[in-house]
Amino acid sequence: MKRVFEVIVVEGRYDRNAVSQAVECTVIETSGFGVFSDSDKVALLRRLADKRGLVILTDGDKAGFFIRGRLRGLLGDANIKHAYIPDVPGHEKRKSAPSKEGKLGVEGMMPEIIIKALEQAGATFETDPVTGTYAQAEQITKADMYDLGLSGKPDSAKKRRNLLQRLDLPERISANALLNVLNILFTRDDFLALF
């Protein structure tokens, strides 16, 4: 599976699932329009854009373009790429009826269509042409989180909250999402040096 260097921004969890089936990457959900009232998430998106770059991949309907436009206004265009899915009539399997505009969203796209949209947006694919794999720096692991007391221990939630506050990250970020974000913002050595 190809790996995308940039962080991909989608509207919701079903979109995230579809992208995760197409490529290996870090995906952040906007929770639809919810991102606009979440200053912590907007700040996180800015940091991720500065560190890795973002690829915004929203639905091709009016709401998707509204979200894309508002994000462009909030984040600017620096280190941001825009991926567009084609207009495909129909509705997602989990829905009983099509959307107002009668188009499939990101969640309804086949993996090859998502990959093509990312390629056309100029996403950076990290693959070795011979092996089809990618080289990856040593990552912060769940074992590191456990060893540091950030997971699996009685006071782990409190330690995670303190870390989130110290790093100026959203307080509602889950332990798994935190691990992904930490691996974007820090090398393993730099992160361990914080403790």
Protein backbone atom coordinates (compact mmCIF):
# COMPACT_ATOMS: atom_id res chain seq x y z
CA MET A 1 0.00 0.00 0.00
CA LYS A 2 1.29 3.46 -0.86
CA ARG A 3 1.99 5.89 1.95
CA VAL A 4 1.10 9.59 1.70
CA PHE A 5 3.46 11.99 3.49
CA GLU A 6 0.97 14.82 3.97
CA VAL A 7 -1.92 14.68 6.45
CA ILE A 8 -5.23 14.14 4.67
CA VAL A 9 -8.23 16.15 5.91
CA VAL A 10 -11.70 14.66 5.37
CA GLU A 11 -15.20 15.46 6.59
CA GLY A 12 -16.08 12.40 8.68
CA ARG A 13 -15.26 8.91 9.86
CA TYR A 14 -16.68 7.08 6.84
CA ASP A 15 -14.52 9.24 4.58
CA ARG A 16 -11.58 8.44 6.82
CA ASN A 17 -12.27 4.71 6.47
CA ALA A 18 -12.39 4.98 2.67
CA VAL A 19 -9.09 6.88 2.53
CA SER A 20 -7.45 4.41 4.94
CA GLN A 21 -8.42 1.55 2.62
CA ALA A 22 -6.75 3.31 -0.31
CA VAL A 23 -3.49 4.61 1.20
CA GLU A 24 -1.51 4.53 4.40
CA CYS A 25 -1.61 8.00 5.92
CA THR A 26 -2.61 10.18 8.82
CA VAL A 27 -6.22 11.34 8.44
CA ILE A 28 -7.88 14.14 10.40
CA GLU A 29 -11.66 14.54 10.37
CA THR A 30 -13.30 17.96 10.38
CA SER A 31 -16.49 16.52 11.89
CA GLY A 32 -18.32 18.29 9.09
CA PHE A 33 -18.90 21.92 10.01
CA GLY A 34 -17.80 21.15 13.60
CA VAL A 35 -14.24 22.20 12.83
CA PHE A 36 -15.31 25.83 12.58
CA SER A 37 -16.28 26.00 16.25
CA ASP A 38 -13.22 24.03 17.38
CA SER A 39 -10.31 26.46 17.62
CA ASP A 40 -8.07 23.70 19.01
CA LYS A 41 -8.59 21.55 15.91
CA VAL A 42 -7.95 24.51 13.61
CA ALA A 43 -4.71 25.24 15.52
CA LEU A 44 -3.72 21.57 15.18
CA LEU A 45 -4.39 21.66 11.43
CA ARG A 46 -2.15 24.75 11.16
CA ARG A 47 0.66 22.95 12.99
CA LEU A 48 0.28 19.85 10.84
CA ALA A 49 0.25 21.98 7.67
CA ASP A 50 3.51 23.63 8.78
CA LYS A 51 5.14 20.31 9.66
CA ARG A 52 3.94 17.95 6.90
CA GLY A 53 1.46 19.75 4.69
CA LEU A 54 -2.24 18.97 4.27
CA VAL A 55 -4.31 17.48 1.47
CA ILE A 56 -7.95 18.53 1.78
CA LEU A 57 -10.27 15.85 0.37
CA THR A 58 -13.93 16.73 0.86
CA ASP A 59 -17.09 15.60 -0.92
CA GLY A 60 -17.93 17.19 -4.25
CA ASP A 61 -21.24 18.59 -3.02
CA LYS A 62 -22.08 22.12 -1.84
CA ALA A 63 -21.26 21.31 1.80
CA GLY A 64 -17.89 19.78 0.85
CA PHE A 65 -16.91 22.85 -1.14
CA PHE A 66 -18.09 25.13 1.67
CA ILE A 67 -15.89 23.25 4.18
CA ARG A 68 -12.95 23.35 1.75
CA GLY A 69 -13.38 27.10 1.21
CA ARG A 70 -13.67 27.90 4.90
CA LEU A 71 -10.56 25.83 5.65
CA ARG A 72 -8.71 27.73 2.93
CA GLY A 73 -9.78 30.97 4.60
CA LEU A 74 -8.74 29.78 8.07
CA LEU A 75 -5.48 28.09 7.09
CA GLY A 76 -4.37 29.94 3.96
CA ASP A 77 -2.85 28.09 1.03
CA ALA A 78 0.65 27.54 2.39
CA ASN A 79 1.46 23.80 2.47
CA ILE A 80 -2.09 22.86 1.49
CA LYS A 81 -3.10 20.81 -1.53
CA HIS A 82 -6.64 20.17 -2.71
CA ALA A 83 -7.78 16.76 -3.95
CA TYR A 84 -11.08 16.48 -5.77
CA ILE A 85 -13.21 13.41 -6.33
CA PRO A 86 -15.22 13.12 -9.55
CA ASP A 87 -18.97 13.62 -9.66
CA VAL A 88 -20.42 10.12 -9.56
CA PRO A 89 -24.19 9.73 -9.30
CA GLY A 90 -25.51 7.38 -6.63
CA HIS A 91 -25.58 6.87 -2.90
CA GLU A 92 -23.41 5.15 -0.35
CA LYS A 93 -24.32 1.61 0.68
CA ARG A 94 -24.97 2.58 4.30
CA LYS A 95 -27.54 5.22 3.23
CA SER A 96 -31.06 4.45 2.10
CA ALA A 97 -31.23 7.44 -0.26
CA PRO A 98 -28.79 9.61 -2.16
CA SER A 99 -27.67 13.02 -0.89
CA LYS A 100 -29.52 16.17 -1.98
CA GLU A 101 -27.27 16.47 -5.01
CA GLY A 102 -27.39 12.72 -5.75
CA LYS A 103 -23.60 12.29 -5.76
CA LEU A 104 -21.31 9.84 -4.04
CA GLY A 105 -19.04 11.36 -1.42
CA VAL A 106 -15.50 10.38 -0.51
CA GLU A 107 -16.82 7.38 1.43
CA GLY A 108 -18.40 5.98 -1.73
CA MET A 109 -15.25 6.16 -3.87
CA MET A 110 -13.23 3.13 -4.84
CA PRO A 111 -9.60 3.13 -3.58
CA GLU A 112 -8.17 3.67 -7.08
CA ILE A 113 -10.28 6.82 -7.50
CA ILE A 114 -9.05 8.19 -4.17
CA ILE A 115 -5.44 7.43 -5.15
CA LYS A 116 -5.93 9.16 -8.52
CA ALA A 117 -7.42 12.25 -6.80
CA LEU A 118 -4.44 12.37 -4.42
CA GLU A 119 -1.98 11.97 -7.31
CA GLN A 120 -3.67 14.76 -9.27
CA ALA A 121 -3.47 17.02 -6.18
CA GLY A 122 0.28 16.44 -6.02
CA ALA A 123 0.29 14.41 -2.81
CA THR A 124 3.72 13.05 -1.91
CA PHE A 125 3.77 9.26 -2.11
CA GLU A 126 6.56 7.63 -0.14
CA THR A 127 7.32 4.39 -1.92
CA ASP A 128 10.43 2.59 -3.02
CA PRO A 129 10.02 1.69 -6.71
CA VAL A 130 11.67 -1.72 -6.20
CA THR A 131 10.06 -2.98 -3.01
CA GLY A 132 6.87 -0.89 -3.04
CA THR A 133 7.53 -0.04 0.61
CA TYR A 134 8.87 3.09 2.24
CA ALA A 135 11.62 3.89 4.67
CA GLN A 136 10.35 5.22 7.94
CA ALA A 137 12.16 6.86 10.83
CA GLU A 138 11.89 5.18 14.20
CA GLN A 139 8.39 5.89 15.47
CA ILE A 140 7.01 6.67 18.90
CA THR A 141 5.18 3.49 19.89
CA LYS A 142 2.37 2.42 22.21
CA ALA A 143 5.07 0.78 24.32
CA ASP A 144 6.78 4.18 24.68
CA MET A 145 3.47 5.70 25.75
CA TYR A 146 3.06 2.94 28.34
CA ASP A 147 6.63 3.26 29.60
CA LEU A 148 6.15 7.01 30.03
CA GLY A 149 2.90 6.43 31.94
CA LEU A 150 0.77 7.99 29.20
CA SER A 151 -1.35 4.87 28.71
CA GLY A 152 -2.38 1.76 30.59
CA LYS A 153 -1.74 3.06 34.09
CA PRO A 154 -4.09 4.51 36.74
CA ASP A 155 -2.99 8.12 36.25
CA SER A 156 -2.40 7.91 32.47
CA ALA A 157 -5.38 10.09 31.53
CA LYS A 158 -4.12 12.87 33.80
CA LYS A 159 -0.58 12.60 32.39
CA ARG A 160 -1.94 12.69 28.83
CA ARG A 161 -4.02 15.80 29.63
CA ASN A 162 -0.90 17.48 31.07
CA LEU A 163 1.09 16.54 27.97
CA LEU A 164 -1.64 17.81 25.66
CA GLN A 165 -1.71 21.10 27.54
CA ARG A 166 2.09 21.35 27.52
CA LEU A 167 2.23 20.73 23.76
CA ASP A 168 -0.79 22.98 23.08
CA LEU A 169 -2.83 20.16 21.54
CA PRO A 170 -6.63 19.66 21.71
CA GLU A 171 -7.69 18.14 25.04
CA ARG A 172 -10.21 15.76 23.46
CA ILE A 173 -7.68 13.98 21.25
CA SER A 174 -7.76 10.21 21.80
CA ALA A 175 -4.70 8.22 22.86
CA ASN A 176 -4.39 6.64 19.37
CA ALA A 177 -4.80 9.97 17.59
CA LEU A 178 -2.25 11.49 19.96
CA LEU A 179 0.28 8.84 18.93
CA ASN A 180 -0.23 9.72 15.23
CA VAL A 181 0.12 13.46 15.90
CA LEU A 182 3.22 12.97 18.04
CA ASN A 183 4.86 10.98 15.24
CA ILE A 184 4.25 13.90 12.89
CA LEU A 185 5.44 16.62 15.23
CA PHE A 186 8.45 14.84 16.78
CA THR A 187 11.14 12.32 16.08
CA ARG A 188 11.13 9.53 18.66
CA ASP A 189 14.35 10.82 20.22
CA ASP A 190 13.04 14.40 20.46
CA PHE A 191 9.83 13.20 22.05
CA LEU A 192 11.58 11.01 24.62
CA ALA A 193 13.86 13.94 25.47
CA LEU A 194 10.78 15.83 26.71
CA PHE A 195 10.61 13.50 29.72
